[in-house]
Amino acid sequence: MLLLLALTGTGLFDLAILGYPGLLIFAAILGNVRLFLSVLLFVIVQCVFVT
């Protein structure tokens, strides 16, 4: 959902990009290291796709 908001908005300058750190924080708190690293990789790939 954050990716779609960023794509329809102004890309990396859209406020939807600020949701990614929140997603990473929840993954770090509620999950284990494997979940955090997989979400981190997913976020990096999405940010590269947006640019």
Protein backbone atom coordinates (compact mmCIF):
# COMPACT_ATOMS: atom_id res chain seq x y z
CA MET A 1 0.00 0.00 0.00
CA LEU A 2 2.84 2.38 0.78
CA LEU A 3 4.35 1.63 -2.60
CA LEU A 4 1.12 2.49 -4.41
CA LEU A 5 0.79 5.75 -2.47
CA ALA A 6 4.37 6.66 -3.36
CA LEU A 7 3.88 5.79 -7.03
CA THR A 8 0.71 7.86 -7.40
CA GLY A 9 2.19 10.77 -5.46
CA THR A 10 5.55 12.44 -5.89
CA GLY A 11 7.73 9.36 -5.55
CA LEU A 12 10.47 9.55 -2.95
CA PHE A 13 9.31 13.01 -1.90
CA ASP A 14 5.84 11.74 -0.94
CA LEU A 15 4.82 11.49 2.71
CA ALA A 16 4.00 7.79 2.24
CA ILE A 17 7.74 7.07 2.34
CA LEU A 18 7.68 8.04 6.03
CA GLY A 19 5.64 4.89 6.69
CA TYR A 20 8.59 2.64 5.89
CA PRO A 21 10.58 3.42 9.07
CA GLY A 22 7.45 2.68 11.10
CA LEU A 23 7.09 -0.65 9.34
CA LEU A 24 10.73 -1.47 10.10
CA ILE A 25 10.31 -0.53 13.77
CA PHE A 26 7.29 -2.82 14.14
CA ALA A 27 9.17 -5.66 12.43
CA ALA A 28 12.12 -5.17 14.79
CA ILE A 29 9.95 -5.06 17.91
CA LEU A 30 7.46 -7.81 17.14
CA GLY A 31 9.54 -10.17 15.04
CA ASN A 32 12.95 -11.73 15.00
CA VAL A 33 16.07 -10.78 13.08
CA ARG A 34 15.05 -12.81 10.04
CA LEU A 35 11.73 -10.96 9.75
CA PHE A 36 13.43 -7.59 10.17
CA LEU A 37 16.02 -8.32 7.49
CA SER A 38 13.41 -9.59 5.03
CA VAL A 39 11.26 -6.48 5.55
CA LEU A 40 14.35 -4.28 5.23
CA LEU A 41 15.25 -5.93 1.93
CA PHE A 42 11.66 -5.54 0.71
CA VAL A 43 11.67 -1.83 1.59
CA ILE A 44 15.00 -1.23 -0.14
CA VAL A 45 13.76 -2.95 -3.30
CA GLN A 46 10.58 -0.87 -3.28
CA CYS A 47 12.53 2.37 -2.82
CA VAL A 48 14.80 1.48 -5.73
CA PHE A 49 11.72 0.67 -7.82
CA VAL A 50 10.16 4.07 -7.03
CA THR A 51 13.25 5.96 -8.19
